[in-house]
N, C-alpha and C. Protein backbone atom coordinates (compact mmCIF):
# COMPACT_ATOMS: atom_id res chain seq x y z
N MET A 1 -13.66 -0.11 -4.48
CA MET A 1 -12.26 -1.30 -5.03
C MET A 1 -12.69 -2.73 -3.74
N ASN A 2 -12.77 -3.59 -3.93
CA ASN A 2 -12.97 -5.06 -2.54
C ASN A 2 -11.71 -4.64 -1.40
N THR A 3 -12.75 -4.18 -0.29
CA THR A 3 -11.78 -3.77 0.98
C THR A 3 -10.85 -4.77 1.52
N ASP A 4 -11.34 -5.90 0.99
CA ASP A 4 -10.55 -7.16 1.49
C ASP A 4 -9.90 -7.25 1.33
N ILE A 5 -9.39 -7.09 0.39
CA ILE A 5 -8.07 -7.34 -0.37
C ILE A 5 -6.96 -6.48 -0.06
N LYS A 6 -6.20 -7.04 0.82
CA LYS A 6 -4.71 -6.60 1.49
C LYS A 6 -3.89 -5.88 0.50
N ARG A 7 -3.51 -4.77 0.39
CA ARG A 7 -3.31 -3.66 -0.54
C ARG A 7 -2.13 -2.75 0.51
N ALA A 8 -1.06 -2.06 -0.09
CA ALA A 8 0.28 -1.14 0.39
C ALA A 8 0.38 -1.11 -1.28
N ILE A 9 0.84 0.56 -0.67
CA ILE A 9 1.09 0.94 -1.27
C ILE A 9 3.12 0.84 -1.07
N TYR A 10 3.83 1.18 -2.39
CA TYR A 10 5.47 0.78 -1.65
C TYR A 10 5.80 2.22 -3.17
N PRO A 11 6.06 3.26 -2.30
CA PRO A 11 6.01 4.31 -2.59
C PRO A 11 7.74 4.62 -3.13
N GLY A 12 8.32 5.53 -4.51
CA GLY A 12 9.58 6.00 -4.32
C GLY A 12 9.99 6.38 -5.41
N THR A 13 10.96 6.51 -6.16
CA THR A 13 11.33 7.28 -7.11
C THR A 13 12.27 6.49 -8.21
N PHE A 14 12.76 5.13 -7.57
CA PHE A 14 13.23 4.32 -7.91
C PHE A 14 13.83 4.65 -9.43
N ASP A 15 14.88 5.45 -8.99
CA ASP A 15 16.12 5.95 -9.89
C ASP A 15 17.54 5.60 -9.94
N PRO A 16 17.88 3.94 -10.06
CA PRO A 16 16.40 2.82 -11.31
C PRO A 16 16.34 2.12 -9.59
N ILE A 17 15.25 1.36 -10.07
CA ILE A 17 15.54 0.01 -9.16
C ILE A 17 16.39 -0.19 -9.09
N THR A 18 17.24 -0.76 -7.78
CA THR A 18 17.85 -2.08 -7.66
C THR A 18 17.52 -2.81 -6.56
N ASN A 19 18.65 -4.12 -6.39
CA ASN A 19 18.19 -5.29 -5.97
C ASN A 19 17.58 -4.97 -4.50
N GLY A 20 18.07 -4.21 -3.75
CA GLY A 20 17.44 -3.60 -2.34
C GLY A 20 15.79 -3.12 -2.60
N HIS A 21 15.21 -2.26 -3.62
CA HIS A 21 13.61 -2.81 -3.91
C HIS A 21 13.55 -4.12 -4.36
N LEU A 22 14.16 -4.40 -4.82
CA LEU A 22 13.18 -5.68 -5.57
C LEU A 22 13.11 -6.70 -4.56
N ASP A 23 13.80 -6.85 -3.39
CA ASP A 23 14.19 -7.31 -2.04
C ASP A 23 13.07 -7.51 -1.73
N ILE A 24 12.81 -5.88 -0.54
CA ILE A 24 11.47 -5.68 0.18
C ILE A 24 10.50 -5.74 -1.10
N ILE A 25 10.09 -5.54 -2.06
CA ILE A 25 8.90 -5.55 -3.17
C ILE A 25 9.01 -7.51 -2.85
N LYS A 26 9.40 -8.46 -3.02
CA LYS A 26 9.92 -10.43 -3.49
C LYS A 26 8.81 -10.46 -1.83
N ARG A 27 9.20 -9.52 -0.66
CA ARG A 27 9.13 -9.56 0.86
C ARG A 27 7.31 -9.43 1.43
N ALA A 28 7.38 -8.19 0.49
CA ALA A 28 5.68 -7.41 1.34
C ALA A 28 5.12 -8.85 -0.07
N CYS A 29 5.04 -9.40 -0.95
CA CYS A 29 4.53 -9.94 -1.11
C CYS A 29 3.84 -11.17 -0.66
N HIS A 30 4.42 -11.29 0.26
CA HIS A 30 4.49 -12.23 1.17
C HIS A 30 3.27 -11.78 2.66
N MET A 31 3.32 -11.05 2.12
CA MET A 31 2.14 -9.72 3.12
C MET A 31 0.88 -9.32 3.17
N PHE A 32 1.73 -9.29 1.63
CA PHE A 32 -0.36 -8.09 1.02
C PHE A 32 -0.91 -9.27 -0.55
N ASP A 33 -2.07 -8.64 -0.44
CA ASP A 33 -2.55 -9.64 -1.66
C ASP A 33 -2.07 -8.74 -2.68
N GLU A 34 -1.78 -7.40 -2.91
CA GLU A 34 -1.54 -6.67 -3.26
C GLU A 34 -0.59 -5.40 -3.80
N ILE A 35 0.56 -5.24 -4.19
CA ILE A 35 1.39 -4.12 -3.55
C ILE A 35 0.92 -3.21 -4.83
N ILE A 36 0.74 -2.22 -4.46
CA ILE A 36 1.28 -1.01 -5.90
C ILE A 36 2.67 -0.42 -5.81
N VAL A 37 2.86 -0.13 -6.67
CA VAL A 37 5.25 0.33 -6.54
C VAL A 37 4.53 1.60 -6.97
N ALA A 38 4.32 2.63 -6.43
CA ALA A 38 3.99 3.89 -7.02
C ALA A 38 5.28 4.90 -6.93
N ILE A 39 5.54 5.25 -8.24
CA ILE A 39 7.41 5.58 -8.11
C ILE A 39 6.84 6.90 -8.14
N ALA A 40 7.25 8.39 -7.85
CA ALA A 40 7.03 9.73 -7.57
C ALA A 40 7.72 10.57 -9.03
N ASP A 41 7.29 11.17 -9.65
CA ASP A 41 8.19 11.69 -10.46
C ASP A 41 9.23 12.80 -9.93
N SER A 42 9.08 13.34 -8.73
CA SER A 42 9.96 13.64 -8.46
C SER A 42 11.28 14.66 -9.30
N GLU A 43 10.38 15.72 -9.63
CA GLU A 43 11.04 16.51 -10.98
C GLU A 43 12.04 17.10 -9.85
N ALA A 44 11.72 17.46 -9.03
CA ALA A 44 12.94 18.49 -8.06
C ALA A 44 14.12 17.78 -7.23
N LYS A 45 13.86 16.44 -7.53
CA LYS A 45 15.36 15.60 -7.22
C LYS A 45 16.06 15.39 -8.38
N LYS A 46 15.60 15.85 -9.57
CA LYS A 46 16.66 16.03 -10.99
C LYS A 46 16.94 14.03 -11.01
N PRO A 47 15.77 13.67 -11.77
CA PRO A 47 16.36 11.84 -11.41
C PRO A 47 17.18 12.01 -12.66
N MET A 48 17.89 10.88 -12.93
CA MET A 48 18.42 10.48 -14.03
C MET A 48 17.39 9.90 -15.16
N PHE A 49 17.04 9.36 -14.43
CA PHE A 49 15.84 8.72 -16.18
C PHE A 49 14.62 9.14 -15.47
N THR A 50 13.78 9.91 -16.50
CA THR A 50 12.58 9.64 -16.78
C THR A 50 11.55 8.81 -15.62
N LEU A 51 10.31 9.22 -15.86
CA LEU A 51 9.40 8.66 -15.06
C LEU A 51 9.25 7.39 -16.27
N THR A 52 8.89 7.88 -17.30
CA THR A 52 8.61 6.90 -18.03
C THR A 52 9.79 5.79 -18.09
N GLN A 53 10.56 6.22 -18.74
CA GLN A 53 11.83 4.76 -18.14
C GLN A 53 11.36 4.53 -16.82
N ARG A 54 11.94 4.69 -15.39
CA ARG A 54 11.41 4.28 -14.46
C ARG A 54 10.16 2.74 -14.18
N ILE A 55 8.99 3.64 -14.92
CA ILE A 55 8.11 2.99 -14.61
C ILE A 55 8.47 1.76 -15.97
N GLN A 56 9.12 1.66 -16.65
CA GLN A 56 9.35 0.14 -17.56
C GLN A 56 10.33 -0.34 -16.66
N MET A 57 11.49 -0.28 -16.43
CA MET A 57 12.43 -0.53 -15.50
C MET A 57 11.40 -1.07 -14.26
N VAL A 58 10.73 -1.08 -13.51
CA VAL A 58 10.36 -1.74 -12.80
C VAL A 58 9.57 -2.41 -13.06
N GLU A 59 8.52 -2.24 -13.75
CA GLU A 59 7.22 -2.78 -15.00
C GLU A 59 8.20 -4.45 -15.23
N ALA A 60 9.15 -3.82 -15.67
CA ALA A 60 10.15 -4.98 -16.43
C ALA A 60 11.04 -6.16 -15.33
N ALA A 61 11.31 -5.65 -14.35
CA ALA A 61 12.20 -6.04 -12.94
C ALA A 61 10.81 -7.11 -12.36
N THR A 62 9.63 -6.35 -11.95
CA THR A 62 8.87 -7.08 -11.85
C THR A 62 7.68 -7.62 -12.40
N LYS A 63 7.73 -8.04 -13.47
CA LYS A 63 7.06 -8.99 -13.96
C LYS A 63 6.27 -10.12 -13.73
N ASP A 64 7.24 -10.83 -13.33
CA ASP A 64 6.95 -12.06 -13.19
C ASP A 64 6.33 -11.72 -11.62
N PHE A 65 5.66 -11.10 -10.84
CA PHE A 65 5.06 -11.29 -9.55
C PHE A 65 4.17 -10.79 -9.93
N PRO A 66 2.35 -11.25 -10.22
CA PRO A 66 1.21 -11.19 -9.66
C PRO A 66 0.73 -10.54 -8.98
N LYS A 67 1.24 -10.19 -8.17
CA LYS A 67 0.14 -9.17 -7.19
C LYS A 67 0.74 -7.89 -7.07
N ILE A 68 2.02 -7.33 -7.88
CA ILE A 68 2.69 -6.05 -8.38
C ILE A 68 2.01 -5.12 -9.82
N LYS A 69 1.17 -4.26 -8.80
CA LYS A 69 0.97 -2.75 -10.01
C LYS A 69 2.09 -2.05 -9.99
N VAL A 70 1.95 -1.13 -11.34
CA VAL A 70 3.26 -0.27 -11.28
C VAL A 70 2.33 1.36 -11.47
N LEU A 71 3.15 2.21 -11.13
CA LEU A 71 2.84 3.55 -11.70
C LEU A 71 3.00 4.33 -11.05
N GLY A 72 2.88 5.32 -11.88
CA GLY A 72 3.58 6.67 -11.49
C GLY A 72 2.63 7.63 -10.79
N PHE A 73 3.19 8.53 -10.07
CA PHE A 73 2.28 9.49 -9.24
C PHE A 73 3.12 10.73 -8.87
N ASN A 74 1.99 11.81 -9.25
CA ASN A 74 3.16 13.75 -9.01
C ASN A 74 1.82 13.84 -8.19
N ASP A 75 1.69 13.55 -7.40
CA ASP A 75 0.47 13.64 -5.58
C ASP A 75 1.38 13.73 -4.52
N LEU A 76 0.29 14.41 -3.33
CA LEU A 76 0.97 13.42 -2.51
C LEU A 76 0.19 12.09 -2.32
N LEU A 77 1.31 11.85 -0.76
CA LEU A 77 1.22 10.23 -0.72
C LEU A 77 -0.24 9.76 -0.20
N VAL A 78 -0.60 10.47 0.64
CA VAL A 78 -2.04 10.13 1.36
C VAL A 78 -3.30 10.47 0.65
N ASN A 79 -3.41 11.28 -0.52
CA ASN A 79 -4.14 11.41 -1.95
C ASN A 79 -3.98 10.12 -2.57
N LEU A 80 -2.96 9.85 -3.00
CA LEU A 80 -2.51 8.83 -3.54
C LEU A 80 -3.31 7.26 -2.90
N SER A 81 -3.46 7.12 -1.52
CA SER A 81 -4.18 6.24 -1.11
C SER A 81 -5.45 6.31 -0.97
N ASP A 82 -6.06 7.63 -0.79
CA ASP A 82 -7.18 7.54 -0.93
C ASP A 82 -7.74 7.18 -2.37
N GLU A 83 -6.85 7.15 -3.12
CA GLU A 83 -7.15 7.25 -4.72
C GLU A 83 -7.71 5.89 -5.28
N LEU A 84 -6.26 4.73 -4.06
CA LEU A 84 -5.85 3.48 -4.68
C LEU A 84 -6.63 2.71 -3.68
N ASP A 85 -7.49 3.43 -2.65
CA ASP A 85 -8.28 2.58 -1.66
C ASP A 85 -7.06 1.70 -0.63
N ALA A 86 -5.52 2.25 -0.83
CA ALA A 86 -4.66 1.44 0.52
C ALA A 86 -4.38 1.98 1.65
N ASN A 87 -4.40 1.57 3.00
CA ASN A 87 -4.46 3.01 3.96
C ASN A 87 -2.23 2.06 4.61
N ILE A 88 -2.12 1.12 3.69
CA ILE A 88 -0.38 1.46 4.29
C ILE A 88 0.61 1.24 3.15
N ILE A 89 1.39 1.92 4.11
CA ILE A 89 2.87 2.26 2.80
C ILE A 89 3.67 1.85 3.65
N ILE A 90 4.59 1.00 2.32
CA ILE A 90 5.59 -0.09 2.68
C ILE A 90 7.23 1.00 2.39
N ARG A 91 8.19 0.82 3.28
CA ARG A 91 9.20 1.93 3.23
C ARG A 91 9.75 1.14 3.81
N GLY A 92 11.17 0.58 3.20
CA GLY A 92 12.97 -0.24 3.28
C GLY A 92 14.17 1.13 4.66
N LEU A 93 14.31 0.15 5.09
CA LEU A 93 15.04 1.12 6.36
C LEU A 93 17.05 0.06 5.96
N ARG A 94 17.98 1.22 5.23
CA ARG A 94 19.02 0.79 5.53
C ARG A 94 19.89 0.82 7.08
N ALA A 95 19.77 1.92 7.20
CA ALA A 95 20.69 2.58 7.81
C ALA A 95 19.56 4.07 8.95
N VAL A 96 20.26 4.14 9.67
CA VAL A 96 20.23 4.76 10.70
C VAL A 96 19.06 6.50 10.27
N SER A 97 20.04 6.59 9.24
CA SER A 97 19.82 7.69 8.59
C SER A 97 18.52 8.00 7.78
N ASP A 98 18.55 6.71 7.67
CA ASP A 98 16.87 6.23 6.62
C ASP A 98 15.91 6.41 7.45
N PHE A 99 16.05 5.97 8.63
CA PHE A 99 15.14 5.54 9.81
C PHE A 99 14.34 7.29 10.16
N GLU A 100 15.19 8.36 10.50
CA GLU A 100 15.33 9.62 10.92
C GLU A 100 14.58 10.16 10.20
N TYR A 101 14.65 10.42 7.98
CA TYR A 101 13.81 10.88 7.64
C TYR A 101 12.85 10.13 7.97
N GLU A 102 13.09 8.52 6.89
CA GLU A 102 11.36 7.29 7.22
C GLU A 102 10.59 8.52 8.20
N LEU A 103 10.97 8.25 9.52
CA LEU A 103 10.20 8.46 10.71
C LEU A 103 9.22 9.60 10.25
N GLN A 104 10.01 10.72 10.48
CA GLN A 104 9.35 11.82 9.91
C GLN A 104 8.46 12.04 8.98
N MET A 105 8.48 11.37 7.88
CA MET A 105 7.48 11.11 6.89
C MET A 105 6.28 10.66 7.14
N GLY A 106 6.77 9.21 7.73
CA GLY A 106 5.44 8.87 8.09
C GLY A 106 4.76 9.37 9.44
N TYR A 107 5.26 9.84 10.34
CA TYR A 107 4.36 11.40 11.11
C TYR A 107 3.71 11.62 10.03
N ALA A 108 4.30 12.86 9.48
CA ALA A 108 3.75 13.85 8.53
C ALA A 108 2.66 13.33 7.39
N ASN A 109 2.93 12.00 7.35
CA ASN A 109 1.40 11.41 6.50
C ASN A 109 0.37 11.08 7.54
N ALA A 110 0.17 10.73 8.60
CA ALA A 110 -0.59 10.35 9.71
C ALA A 110 -0.60 11.67 10.28
N SER A 111 -0.32 12.41 10.06
CA SER A 111 -0.68 13.47 10.78
C SER A 111 -2.27 13.88 9.28
N LEU A 112 -1.85 13.33 8.19
CA LEU A 112 -2.62 13.93 7.92
C LEU A 112 -3.81 12.99 7.28
N LYS A 113 -3.64 11.67 7.46
CA LYS A 113 -4.52 10.66 7.46
C LYS A 113 -3.81 9.78 8.43
N LYS A 114 -5.31 9.23 9.38
CA LYS A 114 -4.55 9.08 10.80
C LYS A 114 -5.10 7.63 10.28
N GLU A 115 -5.81 6.75 9.42
CA GLU A 115 -5.39 5.74 9.15
C GLU A 115 -4.72 5.12 8.45
N LEU A 116 -3.86 5.96 7.96
CA LEU A 116 -2.38 5.80 7.18
C LEU A 116 -1.44 5.08 8.17
N GLU A 117 -0.89 3.78 7.62
CA GLU A 117 0.32 2.84 8.48
C GLU A 117 1.28 2.88 7.51
N THR A 118 2.29 2.73 8.03
CA THR A 118 3.26 2.89 7.18
C THR A 118 4.04 1.75 7.98
N ILE A 119 4.33 0.93 7.12
CA ILE A 119 5.30 -0.45 7.80
C ILE A 119 6.74 -0.79 6.62
N TYR A 120 7.93 -0.81 8.13
CA TYR A 120 8.72 -0.39 7.48
C TYR A 120 9.99 -1.77 7.48
N LEU A 121 10.74 -2.49 6.13
CA LEU A 121 11.16 -3.49 5.96
C LEU A 121 12.81 -3.20 5.34
N MET A 122 13.63 -4.00 6.19
CA MET A 122 14.74 -4.03 5.87
C MET A 122 15.75 -4.81 5.14
N PRO A 123 15.92 -4.44 4.02
CA PRO A 123 16.41 -5.13 3.31
C PRO A 123 17.48 -6.11 3.50
N SER A 124 17.58 -7.72 2.63
CA SER A 124 18.53 -8.24 3.66
C SER A 124 19.93 -8.02 3.48
N LEU A 125 20.70 -8.97 4.31
CA LEU A 125 21.90 -7.90 4.45
C LEU A 125 23.04 -7.87 3.22
N GLU A 126 22.49 -9.22 2.61
CA GLU A 126 23.05 -8.45 0.74
C GLU A 126 23.32 -7.67 0.90
N HIS A 127 22.09 -6.90 0.42
CA HIS A 127 21.20 -5.61 -0.45
C HIS A 127 21.19 -4.59 0.94
N ALA A 128 22.00 -4.47 2.29
CA ALA A 128 21.95 -3.29 2.65
C ALA A 128 22.78 -1.74 2.16
N PHE A 129 22.99 -1.89 1.68
CA PHE A 129 24.02 -1.29 0.64
C PHE A 129 23.63 -0.58 -0.42
N VAL A 130 23.02 -1.38 -0.77
CA VAL A 130 22.52 -0.62 -1.98
C VAL A 130 21.39 0.37 -1.70
N SER A 131 22.22 1.56 -2.87
CA SER A 131 20.94 2.26 -3.10
C SER A 131 20.71 3.15 -4.24
N SER A 132 19.55 3.68 -4.76
CA SER A 132 19.78 3.88 -6.31
C SER A 132 20.82 5.76 -6.55
N SER A 133 21.33 5.71 -5.58
CA SER A 133 22.28 7.05 -5.76
C SER A 133 23.23 6.49 -5.90
N VAL A 134 23.87 5.35 -5.46
CA VAL A 134 24.94 4.53 -5.47
C VAL A 134 25.35 4.31 -6.62
N VAL A 135 24.25 3.20 -6.98
CA VAL A 135 23.73 3.08 -8.49
C VAL A 135 24.25 4.43 -9.59
N ARG A 136 23.35 5.24 -8.88
CA ARG A 136 23.29 6.41 -10.11
C ARG A 136 25.30 7.18 -10.23
N SER A 137 25.75 6.83 -9.10
CA SER A 137 26.93 7.20 -8.99
C SER A 137 28.33 6.35 -9.82
N ILE A 138 27.72 5.20 -9.95
CA ILE A 138 28.68 4.19 -10.26
C ILE A 138 28.63 4.50 -12.07
N LEU A 139 27.24 4.42 -12.31
CA LEU A 139 26.62 4.94 -13.56
C LEU A 139 27.02 6.15 -14.26
N ASN A 140 27.40 7.21 -14.03
CA ASN A 140 27.75 8.29 -13.56
C ASN A 140 29.65 8.37 -14.80
N PHE A 141 29.82 7.44 -14.17
CA PHE A 141 31.65 6.97 -14.23
C PHE A 141 32.06 5.56 -15.18
N ASP A 142 30.27 5.43 -15.66
CA ASP A 142 30.73 3.88 -16.57
C ASP A 142 30.80 2.64 -16.34
N GLY A 143 30.53 2.28 -14.86
CA GLY A 143 31.08 1.34 -13.50
C GLY A 143 30.02 0.36 -13.72
N LYS A 144 30.45 -0.69 -13.80
CA LYS A 144 29.50 -1.77 -13.50
C LYS A 144 28.60 -2.07 -11.79
N VAL A 145 27.63 -2.15 -12.77
CA VAL A 145 26.11 -2.09 -11.39
C VAL A 145 24.90 -3.50 -11.04
N GLU A 146 26.00 -4.87 -12.53
CA GLU A 146 24.79 -5.92 -12.67
C GLU A 146 24.57 -6.39 -11.36
N HIS A 147 25.32 -6.31 -10.60
CA HIS A 147 25.57 -7.02 -9.23
C HIS A 147 24.62 -6.00 -7.90
N LEU A 148 24.18 -4.71 -8.69
CA LEU A 148 23.26 -4.61 -8.17
C LEU A 148 21.75 -3.74 -8.51
N VAL A 149 21.47 -4.33 -9.79
CA VAL A 149 19.84 -3.82 -10.81
C VAL A 149 19.69 -4.78 -10.44
N PRO A 150 18.01 -5.63 -10.51
CA PRO A 150 17.92 -6.11 -11.56
C PRO A 150 18.28 -6.66 -12.96
N ASP A 151 18.34 -7.66 -13.91
CA ASP A 151 18.65 -7.49 -14.80
C ASP A 151 17.39 -7.04 -15.81
N GLU A 152 16.56 -7.27 -15.65
CA GLU A 152 15.47 -6.51 -16.15
C GLU A 152 15.98 -5.43 -16.63
N ALA A 153 15.77 -4.50 -15.08
CA ALA A 153 16.28 -3.33 -15.33
C ALA A 153 17.71 -3.00 -16.08
N LEU A 154 18.77 -3.42 -16.08
CA LEU A 154 19.81 -3.06 -16.26
C LEU A 154 19.66 -3.82 -18.17
N LYS A 155 19.21 -4.29 -18.85
CA LYS A 155 18.91 -4.03 -19.82
C LYS A 155 18.56 -2.69 -20.86
N LEU A 156 17.58 -2.46 -19.92
CA LEU A 156 17.26 -1.16 -20.53
C LEU A 156 18.08 0.47 -19.74
N ILE A 157 18.50 0.00 -18.45
CA ILE A 157 19.70 1.00 -18.61
C ILE A 157 20.37 1.62 -19.31
N LYS A 158 21.47 0.20 -20.22
CA LYS A 158 22.19 -0.36 -21.22
C LYS A 158 21.56 0.24 -22.17
N CYS A 159 20.68 0.35 -22.76
CA CYS A 159 19.39 1.22 -23.98
C CYS A 159 19.19 2.55 -23.95
N LEU A 160 19.47 2.67 -22.48
CA LEU A 160 19.16 3.96 -22.09
C LEU A 160 20.63 4.46 -22.48
N ARG A 161 21.92 4.49 -21.94
CA ARG A 161 22.67 4.98 -22.03
C ARG A 161 23.67 4.58 -23.21
């Protein structure tokens, strides 16, 4: 792969993708030549949507972003970074509780691969409360999530439910 390209990985379960995720993706596009949205299989988390469905949602929500590539993975993030020749990880931080977990994960990844850097981005204030778990909770009660998820993903969610 071309090492002159500034490539970053934005990993997560994206179960489902939210407007907060999309906000981070849009802002990361200003910093990097290519963003790989890496969707973790994460069967241990018992996701609401299958890996294939989550990939479809992220692809639909980011279809107008030429710098975005979407893929699923079921491996250590450091192994994926080697495979993709990408040594930058993007993570979103909404609250102090996110920071503790993300800091620990960032250090764990760095202990496995010292060249791996983690960059933390805060979502815009309007999206700071949005999380996939909040969206799933609302969906479980057939509540309104139009203001929390990208339109393209919402269309798929409605078809799947």
